[in-house]
Amino acid sequence: MPWLGMIVVPIVLVVHVALSPDRKAEVMLILSAGALGFVIDTGLIVAGIFTPIVYLFPYPFSPPWMVLLWMIFSTAINVSLQKLHGHYLLSAVLGSVGGPAAYYSGAKLGATTAIPGTSDMLILAVAWAVAVPALFWNAGRINEKYIEETH
């Protein structure tokens, strides 16, 4: 039921923002994470690193369901992962392990047309080792701007 995530994730995002004490900052973080994820995943698709099952957007664009995964991941940055703020090396290490593991797991569940090989996993590790610290850096900038404005 691949369509289920397209319904559930937006609802979870709305609930997250509604419960957040800094709604504007969270919305900006979620949207920027979605944009970053779209660019990174589209680049990885173009490079042939993986080929997701396509829904709505034509190949080689990252499908909306993958963008939603980036968006839902970003909701943890200021909550359960907040202790990683400013710890860019640690977030890079965690990203280099967790990112490829997520893509591999998704592939095993049928979200891609093939299981990524070793070289593909290494490229995913590098991409996520850059992406996760970038998300934390961006969250810091957004938090500085929007939270200071409201407090």
N, C-alpha and C. Protein backbone atom coordinates (compact mmCIF):
# COMPACT_ATOMS: atom_id res chain seq x y z
N MET A 1 0.83 -1.19 0.00
CA MET A 1 0.00 0.00 0.00
C MET A 1 0.88 1.25 0.00
N PRO A 2 1.58 1.51 -1.09
CA PRO A 2 2.50 2.66 -1.13
C PRO A 2 1.79 4.01 -0.99
N TRP A 3 0.54 4.08 -1.31
CA TRP A 3 -0.21 5.32 -1.21
C TRP A 3 -0.49 5.72 0.24
N LEU A 4 -0.41 4.77 1.16
CA LEU A 4 -0.74 5.04 2.56
C LEU A 4 0.18 6.10 3.17
N GLY A 5 1.47 6.02 2.87
CA GLY A 5 2.41 7.02 3.38
C GLY A 5 2.10 8.42 2.89
N MET A 6 1.60 8.51 1.67
CA MET A 6 1.26 9.81 1.09
C MET A 6 0.08 10.45 1.83
N ILE A 7 -0.67 9.65 2.56
CA ILE A 7 -1.79 10.16 3.36
C ILE A 7 -1.35 10.39 4.81
N VAL A 8 -0.66 9.42 5.37
CA VAL A 8 -0.30 9.46 6.80
C VAL A 8 0.77 10.50 7.10
N VAL A 9 1.83 10.57 6.29
CA VAL A 9 2.94 11.48 6.60
C VAL A 9 2.49 12.94 6.65
N PRO A 10 1.72 13.44 5.69
CA PRO A 10 1.27 14.84 5.83
C PRO A 10 0.46 15.09 7.11
N ILE A 11 -0.32 14.11 7.51
CA ILE A 11 -1.08 14.27 8.76
C ILE A 11 -0.13 14.36 9.95
N VAL A 12 0.88 13.50 9.98
CA VAL A 12 1.87 13.53 11.06
C VAL A 12 2.63 14.85 11.05
N LEU A 13 2.96 15.36 9.87
CA LEU A 13 3.65 16.64 9.77
C LEU A 13 2.79 17.78 10.33
N VAL A 14 1.52 17.78 10.01
CA VAL A 14 0.61 18.82 10.52
C VAL A 14 0.50 18.73 12.04
N VAL A 15 0.38 17.53 12.57
CA VAL A 15 0.30 17.36 14.03
C VAL A 15 1.61 17.83 14.68
N HIS A 16 2.75 17.46 14.08
CA HIS A 16 4.05 17.88 14.62
C HIS A 16 4.14 19.40 14.70
N VAL A 17 3.78 20.06 13.61
CA VAL A 17 3.86 21.53 13.58
C VAL A 17 2.88 22.13 14.58
N ALA A 18 1.68 21.57 14.66
CA ALA A 18 0.68 22.10 15.59
C ALA A 18 1.15 21.99 17.04
N LEU A 19 1.91 20.96 17.36
CA LEU A 19 2.39 20.76 18.73
C LEU A 19 3.71 21.47 19.01
N SER A 20 4.34 21.99 17.99
CA SER A 20 5.64 22.64 18.15
C SER A 20 5.49 24.03 18.76
N PRO A 21 6.35 24.37 19.70
CA PRO A 21 6.30 25.72 20.27
C PRO A 21 6.82 26.78 19.29
N ASP A 22 7.54 26.35 18.27
CA ASP A 22 8.10 27.28 17.28
C ASP A 22 7.67 26.83 15.89
N ARG A 23 6.40 27.04 15.59
CA ARG A 23 5.80 26.52 14.36
C ARG A 23 6.47 27.02 13.09
N LYS A 24 6.77 28.31 13.03
CA LYS A 24 7.35 28.86 11.81
C LYS A 24 8.72 28.24 11.53
N ALA A 25 9.53 28.07 12.57
CA ALA A 25 10.84 27.44 12.42
C ALA A 25 10.70 25.99 11.95
N GLU A 26 9.76 25.27 12.52
CA GLU A 26 9.56 23.87 12.12
C GLU A 26 9.08 23.76 10.68
N VAL A 27 8.17 24.62 10.28
CA VAL A 27 7.70 24.60 8.89
C VAL A 27 8.85 24.88 7.93
N MET A 28 9.66 25.87 8.25
CA MET A 28 10.80 26.20 7.37
C MET A 28 11.79 25.03 7.32
N LEU A 29 12.04 24.38 8.45
CA LEU A 29 12.94 23.24 8.47
C LEU A 29 12.38 22.08 7.64
N ILE A 30 11.13 21.78 7.82
CA ILE A 30 10.49 20.69 7.08
C ILE A 30 10.53 20.96 5.58
N LEU A 31 10.17 22.16 5.16
CA LEU A 31 10.18 22.49 3.73
C LEU A 31 11.59 22.47 3.15
N SER A 32 12.56 22.99 3.90
CA SER A 32 13.93 22.99 3.38
C SER A 32 14.50 21.58 3.32
N ALA A 33 14.13 20.72 4.28
CA ALA A 33 14.58 19.33 4.23
C ALA A 33 13.97 18.60 3.03
N GLY A 34 12.72 18.90 2.74
CA GLY A 34 12.09 18.31 1.56
C GLY A 34 12.78 18.73 0.28
N ALA A 35 13.13 20.02 0.21
CA ALA A 35 13.83 20.52 -0.98
C ALA A 35 15.21 19.90 -1.11
N LEU A 36 15.94 19.82 0.00
CA LEU A 36 17.27 19.20 -0.02
C LEU A 36 17.17 17.73 -0.44
N GLY A 37 16.22 17.03 0.13
CA GLY A 37 16.03 15.62 -0.20
C GLY A 37 15.68 15.42 -1.66
N PHE A 38 14.83 16.30 -2.19
CA PHE A 38 14.46 16.21 -3.61
C PHE A 38 15.70 16.36 -4.49
N VAL A 39 16.54 17.35 -4.18
CA VAL A 39 17.75 17.59 -4.97
C VAL A 39 18.73 16.42 -4.85
N ILE A 40 18.99 15.97 -3.63
CA ILE A 40 19.95 14.89 -3.42
C ILE A 40 19.46 13.60 -4.07
N ASP A 41 18.22 13.23 -3.80
CA ASP A 41 17.72 11.97 -4.36
C ASP A 41 17.62 12.02 -5.88
N THR A 42 17.21 13.15 -6.43
CA THR A 42 17.17 13.27 -7.88
C THR A 42 18.57 13.11 -8.47
N GLY A 43 19.57 13.72 -7.82
CA GLY A 43 20.95 13.55 -8.27
C GLY A 43 21.41 12.10 -8.20
N LEU A 44 21.05 11.42 -7.14
CA LEU A 44 21.42 10.01 -6.99
C LEU A 44 20.71 9.13 -8.02
N ILE A 45 19.48 9.47 -8.34
CA ILE A 45 18.74 8.73 -9.36
C ILE A 45 19.39 8.95 -10.73
N VAL A 46 19.70 10.21 -11.05
CA VAL A 46 20.35 10.53 -12.32
C VAL A 46 21.68 9.80 -12.43
N ALA A 47 22.42 9.70 -11.31
CA ALA A 47 23.72 9.03 -11.30
C ALA A 47 23.59 7.51 -11.36
N GLY A 48 22.38 6.99 -11.25
CA GLY A 48 22.17 5.55 -11.33
C GLY A 48 22.44 4.81 -10.03
N ILE A 49 22.48 5.52 -8.91
CA ILE A 49 22.75 4.90 -7.62
C ILE A 49 21.58 4.05 -7.16
N PHE A 50 20.38 4.51 -7.41
CA PHE A 50 19.18 3.72 -7.14
C PHE A 50 18.06 4.21 -8.04
N THR A 51 17.05 3.38 -8.20
CA THR A 51 15.89 3.75 -9.00
C THR A 51 14.64 3.42 -8.19
N PRO A 52 14.00 4.46 -7.63
CA PRO A 52 12.81 4.21 -6.82
C PRO A 52 11.61 3.85 -7.70
N ILE A 53 10.65 3.22 -7.06
CA ILE A 53 9.38 3.02 -7.73
C ILE A 53 8.77 4.42 -7.88
N VAL A 54 8.40 4.78 -9.08
CA VAL A 54 7.99 6.15 -9.38
C VAL A 54 6.48 6.32 -9.16
N TYR A 55 6.13 7.37 -8.44
CA TYR A 55 4.74 7.76 -8.26
C TYR A 55 4.63 9.25 -8.53
N LEU A 56 3.82 9.64 -9.44
CA LEU A 56 3.48 11.02 -9.80
C LEU A 56 4.53 11.74 -10.64
N PHE A 57 5.76 11.90 -10.13
CA PHE A 57 6.78 12.63 -10.88
C PHE A 57 7.46 11.69 -11.87
N PRO A 58 7.77 12.18 -13.07
CA PRO A 58 8.44 11.31 -14.04
C PRO A 58 9.91 11.07 -13.67
N TYR A 59 10.44 9.97 -14.19
CA TYR A 59 11.86 9.69 -14.03
C TYR A 59 12.63 10.82 -14.68
N PRO A 60 13.70 11.35 -14.10
CA PRO A 60 14.48 10.87 -12.96
C PRO A 60 14.20 11.63 -11.67
N PHE A 61 13.08 12.33 -11.59
CA PHE A 61 12.82 13.13 -10.40
C PHE A 61 12.45 12.27 -9.20
N SER A 62 12.95 12.68 -8.04
CA SER A 62 12.62 11.98 -6.81
C SER A 62 11.11 12.02 -6.60
N PRO A 63 10.51 10.86 -6.33
CA PRO A 63 9.06 10.84 -6.15
C PRO A 63 8.63 11.51 -4.85
N PRO A 64 7.41 12.00 -4.80
CA PRO A 64 6.92 12.68 -3.59
C PRO A 64 7.05 11.84 -2.32
N TRP A 65 6.86 10.54 -2.40
CA TRP A 65 6.95 9.72 -1.20
C TRP A 65 8.35 9.76 -0.61
N MET A 66 9.38 9.92 -1.45
CA MET A 66 10.74 10.02 -0.92
C MET A 66 10.97 11.40 -0.30
N VAL A 67 10.42 12.42 -0.91
CA VAL A 67 10.53 13.78 -0.35
C VAL A 67 9.86 13.81 1.02
N LEU A 68 8.73 13.14 1.15
CA LEU A 68 8.05 13.08 2.44
C LEU A 68 8.91 12.39 3.51
N LEU A 69 9.72 11.42 3.10
CA LEU A 69 10.61 10.76 4.07
C LEU A 69 11.64 11.75 4.62
N TRP A 70 12.18 12.59 3.74
CA TRP A 70 13.11 13.63 4.20
C TRP A 70 12.40 14.59 5.14
N MET A 71 11.18 14.94 4.80
CA MET A 71 10.42 15.89 5.61
C MET A 71 10.12 15.31 7.00
N ILE A 72 9.72 14.05 7.03
CA ILE A 72 9.40 13.44 8.33
C ILE A 72 10.67 13.25 9.15
N PHE A 73 11.79 12.94 8.50
CA PHE A 73 13.07 12.83 9.22
C PHE A 73 13.43 14.16 9.88
N SER A 74 13.15 15.26 9.19
CA SER A 74 13.52 16.58 9.73
C SER A 74 12.78 16.92 11.02
N THR A 75 11.64 16.28 11.26
CA THR A 75 10.89 16.58 12.48
C THR A 75 11.62 16.09 13.73
N ALA A 76 12.59 15.20 13.56
CA ALA A 76 13.36 14.70 14.71
C ALA A 76 14.53 15.62 15.06
N ILE A 77 14.92 16.50 14.16
CA ILE A 77 16.13 17.30 14.34
C ILE A 77 16.07 18.19 15.57
N ASN A 78 14.96 18.83 15.81
CA ASN A 78 14.83 19.72 16.98
C ASN A 78 14.19 19.03 18.18
N VAL A 79 13.91 17.73 18.04
CA VAL A 79 13.24 17.03 19.12
C VAL A 79 14.16 15.90 19.62
N SER A 80 13.98 14.71 19.10
CA SER A 80 14.74 13.56 19.62
C SER A 80 16.21 13.59 19.24
N LEU A 81 16.57 14.32 18.20
CA LEU A 81 17.98 14.41 17.79
C LEU A 81 18.62 15.75 18.17
N GLN A 82 17.98 16.53 19.00
CA GLN A 82 18.47 17.88 19.29
C GLN A 82 19.86 17.89 19.91
N LYS A 83 20.26 16.83 20.59
CA LYS A 83 21.60 16.79 21.19
C LYS A 83 22.70 16.74 20.14
N LEU A 84 22.35 16.45 18.89
CA LEU A 84 23.34 16.42 17.81
C LEU A 84 23.62 17.81 17.22
N HIS A 85 22.84 18.81 17.60
CA HIS A 85 23.09 20.17 17.10
C HIS A 85 24.52 20.58 17.44
N GLY A 86 25.25 21.03 16.43
CA GLY A 86 26.62 21.47 16.62
C GLY A 86 27.65 20.35 16.59
N HIS A 87 27.21 19.11 16.59
CA HIS A 87 28.11 17.96 16.55
C HIS A 87 28.10 17.39 15.12
N TYR A 88 28.73 18.14 14.23
CA TYR A 88 28.66 17.82 12.81
C TYR A 88 29.37 16.53 12.45
N LEU A 89 30.50 16.26 13.08
CA LEU A 89 31.22 15.02 12.77
C LEU A 89 30.40 13.80 13.20
N LEU A 90 29.84 13.85 14.39
CA LEU A 90 29.01 12.74 14.86
C LEU A 90 27.77 12.58 13.98
N SER A 91 27.13 13.68 13.61
CA SER A 91 25.96 13.57 12.75
C SER A 91 26.33 13.02 11.38
N ALA A 92 27.54 13.33 10.89
CA ALA A 92 28.01 12.78 9.62
C ALA A 92 28.20 11.27 9.72
N VAL A 93 28.80 10.83 10.83
CA VAL A 93 29.01 9.39 11.02
C VAL A 93 27.67 8.66 11.10
N LEU A 94 26.76 9.20 11.89
CA LEU A 94 25.44 8.57 12.01
C LEU A 94 24.69 8.59 10.69
N GLY A 95 24.79 9.69 9.95
CA GLY A 95 24.16 9.77 8.64
C GLY A 95 24.74 8.77 7.66
N SER A 96 26.07 8.59 7.72
CA SER A 96 26.72 7.67 6.79
C SER A 96 26.33 6.21 7.02
N VAL A 97 25.83 5.93 8.20
CA VAL A 97 25.36 4.57 8.51
C VAL A 97 23.85 4.47 8.31
N GLY A 98 23.12 5.41 8.90
CA GLY A 98 21.66 5.35 8.87
C GLY A 98 21.05 5.58 7.50
N GLY A 99 21.62 6.51 6.73
CA GLY A 99 21.08 6.79 5.41
C GLY A 99 21.11 5.58 4.49
N PRO A 100 22.29 5.00 4.27
CA PRO A 100 22.34 3.81 3.41
C PRO A 100 21.50 2.65 3.95
N ALA A 101 21.46 2.51 5.28
CA ALA A 101 20.64 1.44 5.86
C ALA A 101 19.16 1.64 5.52
N ALA A 102 18.71 2.90 5.52
CA ALA A 102 17.32 3.18 5.17
C ALA A 102 17.04 2.86 3.71
N TYR A 103 17.96 3.22 2.82
CA TYR A 103 17.78 2.94 1.39
C TYR A 103 17.81 1.43 1.14
N TYR A 104 18.71 0.73 1.81
CA TYR A 104 18.80 -0.72 1.65
C TYR A 104 17.51 -1.38 2.15
N SER A 105 17.04 -0.94 3.31
CA SER A 105 15.80 -1.50 3.87
C SER A 105 14.62 -1.23 2.95
N GLY A 106 14.57 -0.01 2.43
CA GLY A 106 13.50 0.33 1.49
C GLY A 106 13.56 -0.53 0.24
N ALA A 107 14.76 -0.78 -0.25
CA ALA A 107 14.93 -1.63 -1.43
C ALA A 107 14.45 -3.05 -1.13
N LYS A 108 14.77 -3.55 0.06
CA LYS A 108 14.33 -4.90 0.44
C LYS A 108 12.81 -4.99 0.55
N LEU A 109 12.18 -3.84 0.85
CA LEU A 109 10.71 -3.80 0.94
C LEU A 109 10.05 -3.55 -0.40
N GLY A 110 10.85 -3.36 -1.46
CA GLY A 110 10.29 -3.18 -2.79
C GLY A 110 10.11 -1.74 -3.22
N ALA A 111 10.74 -0.79 -2.52
CA ALA A 111 10.59 0.62 -2.85
C ALA A 111 11.47 1.05 -4.01
N THR A 112 12.42 0.19 -4.39
CA THR A 112 13.29 0.48 -5.53
C THR A 112 13.26 -0.71 -6.48
N THR A 113 13.82 -0.49 -7.67
CA THR A 113 13.79 -1.55 -8.67
C THR A 113 14.88 -2.58 -8.46
N ALA A 114 15.88 -2.27 -7.61
CA ALA A 114 16.97 -3.21 -7.34
C ALA A 114 17.59 -2.92 -5.97
N ILE A 115 18.26 -3.91 -5.42
CA ILE A 115 18.99 -3.74 -4.16
C ILE A 115 20.30 -3.02 -4.49
N PRO A 116 20.64 -1.95 -3.75
CA PRO A 116 21.90 -1.24 -4.05
C PRO A 116 23.12 -2.12 -3.78
N GLY A 117 24.11 -2.01 -4.68
CA GLY A 117 25.36 -2.75 -4.52
C GLY A 117 26.30 -2.04 -3.57
N THR A 118 27.47 -2.61 -3.39
CA THR A 118 28.45 -2.07 -2.45
C THR A 118 28.87 -0.65 -2.82
N SER A 119 29.19 -0.42 -4.09
CA SER A 119 29.62 0.94 -4.48
C SER A 119 28.48 1.94 -4.34
N ASP A 120 27.26 1.48 -4.61
CA ASP A 120 26.09 2.36 -4.42
C ASP A 120 25.92 2.71 -2.95
N MET A 121 26.12 1.73 -2.08
CA MET A 121 26.01 1.97 -0.64
C MET A 121 27.07 2.95 -0.16
N LEU A 122 28.27 2.86 -0.72
CA LEU A 122 29.33 3.80 -0.34
C LEU A 122 28.99 5.22 -0.77
N ILE A 123 28.42 5.36 -1.96
CA ILE A 123 28.02 6.69 -2.43
C ILE A 123 26.88 7.23 -1.57
N LEU A 124 25.93 6.37 -1.23
CA LEU A 124 24.86 6.80 -0.32
C LEU A 124 25.43 7.22 1.03
N ALA A 125 26.45 6.51 1.52
CA ALA A 125 27.07 6.87 2.80
C ALA A 125 27.69 8.25 2.73
N VAL A 126 28.36 8.56 1.64
CA VAL A 126 28.97 9.88 1.48
C VAL A 126 27.88 10.95 1.38
N ALA A 127 26.85 10.67 0.60
CA ALA A 127 25.76 11.65 0.44
C ALA A 127 25.11 11.96 1.78
N TRP A 128 24.85 10.93 2.57
CA TRP A 128 24.22 11.15 3.87
C TRP A 128 25.18 11.70 4.91
N ALA A 129 26.47 11.43 4.75
CA ALA A 129 27.46 12.02 5.65
C ALA A 129 27.54 13.53 5.44
N VAL A 130 27.14 13.99 4.28
CA VAL A 130 27.08 15.43 4.00
C VAL A 130 25.69 15.97 4.32
N ALA A 131 24.65 15.23 3.97
CA ALA A 131 23.28 15.72 4.11
C ALA A 131 22.86 15.92 5.57
N VAL A 132 23.20 14.99 6.45
CA VAL A 132 22.73 15.10 7.83
C VAL A 132 23.35 16.31 8.55
N PRO A 133 24.67 16.51 8.48
CA PRO A 133 25.21 17.74 9.07
C PRO A 133 24.64 19.00 8.42
N ALA A 134 24.38 18.94 7.12
CA ALA A 134 23.78 20.10 6.44
C ALA A 134 22.39 20.39 7.00
N LEU A 135 21.63 19.34 7.28
CA LEU A 135 20.30 19.54 7.88
C LEU A 135 20.42 20.17 9.27
N PHE A 136 21.38 19.72 10.06
CA PHE A 136 21.57 20.31 11.39
C PHE A 136 22.06 21.75 11.30
N TRP A 137 22.97 22.02 10.38
CA TRP A 137 23.45 23.39 10.19
C TRP A 137 22.28 24.29 9.78
N ASN A 138 21.50 23.82 8.83
CA ASN A 138 20.35 24.60 8.37
C ASN A 138 19.33 24.81 9.49
N ALA A 139 19.10 23.77 10.28
CA ALA A 139 18.17 23.91 11.41
C ALA A 139 18.66 24.96 12.39
N GLY A 140 19.97 24.99 12.63
CA GLY A 140 20.53 26.02 13.52
C GLY A 140 20.28 27.41 13.00
N ARG A 141 20.49 27.61 11.70
CA ARG A 141 20.25 28.93 11.11
C ARG A 141 18.77 29.30 11.19
N ILE A 142 17.91 28.35 10.87
CA ILE A 142 16.46 28.61 10.93
C ILE A 142 16.04 28.91 12.37
N ASN A 143 16.52 28.13 13.32
CA ASN A 143 16.17 28.35 14.72
C ASN A 143 16.62 29.73 15.18
N GLU A 144 17.84 30.12 14.82
CA GLU A 144 18.34 31.45 15.20
C GLU A 144 17.44 32.54 14.65
N LYS A 145 17.04 32.40 13.41
CA LYS A 145 16.25 33.45 12.77
C LYS A 145 14.82 33.51 13.30
N TYR A 146 14.14 32.38 13.27
CA TYR A 146 12.70 32.39 13.57
C TYR A 146 12.39 32.32 15.06
N ILE A 147 13.21 31.63 15.82
CA ILE A 147 12.91 31.53 17.25
C ILE A 147 13.25 32.85 17.95
N GLU A 148 14.34 33.51 17.55
CA GLU A 148 14.67 34.79 18.13
C GLU A 148 13.62 35.86 17.80
N GLU A 149 13.02 35.75 16.63
CA GLU A 149 11.98 36.71 16.22
C GLU A 149 10.75 36.62 17.12
N THR A 150 10.44 35.40 17.56
CA THR A 150 9.20 35.20 18.32
C THR A 150 9.41 35.25 19.84
N HIS A 151 10.66 35.24 20.29
CA HIS A 151 10.90 35.21 21.74
C HIS A 151 11.53 36.50 22.22
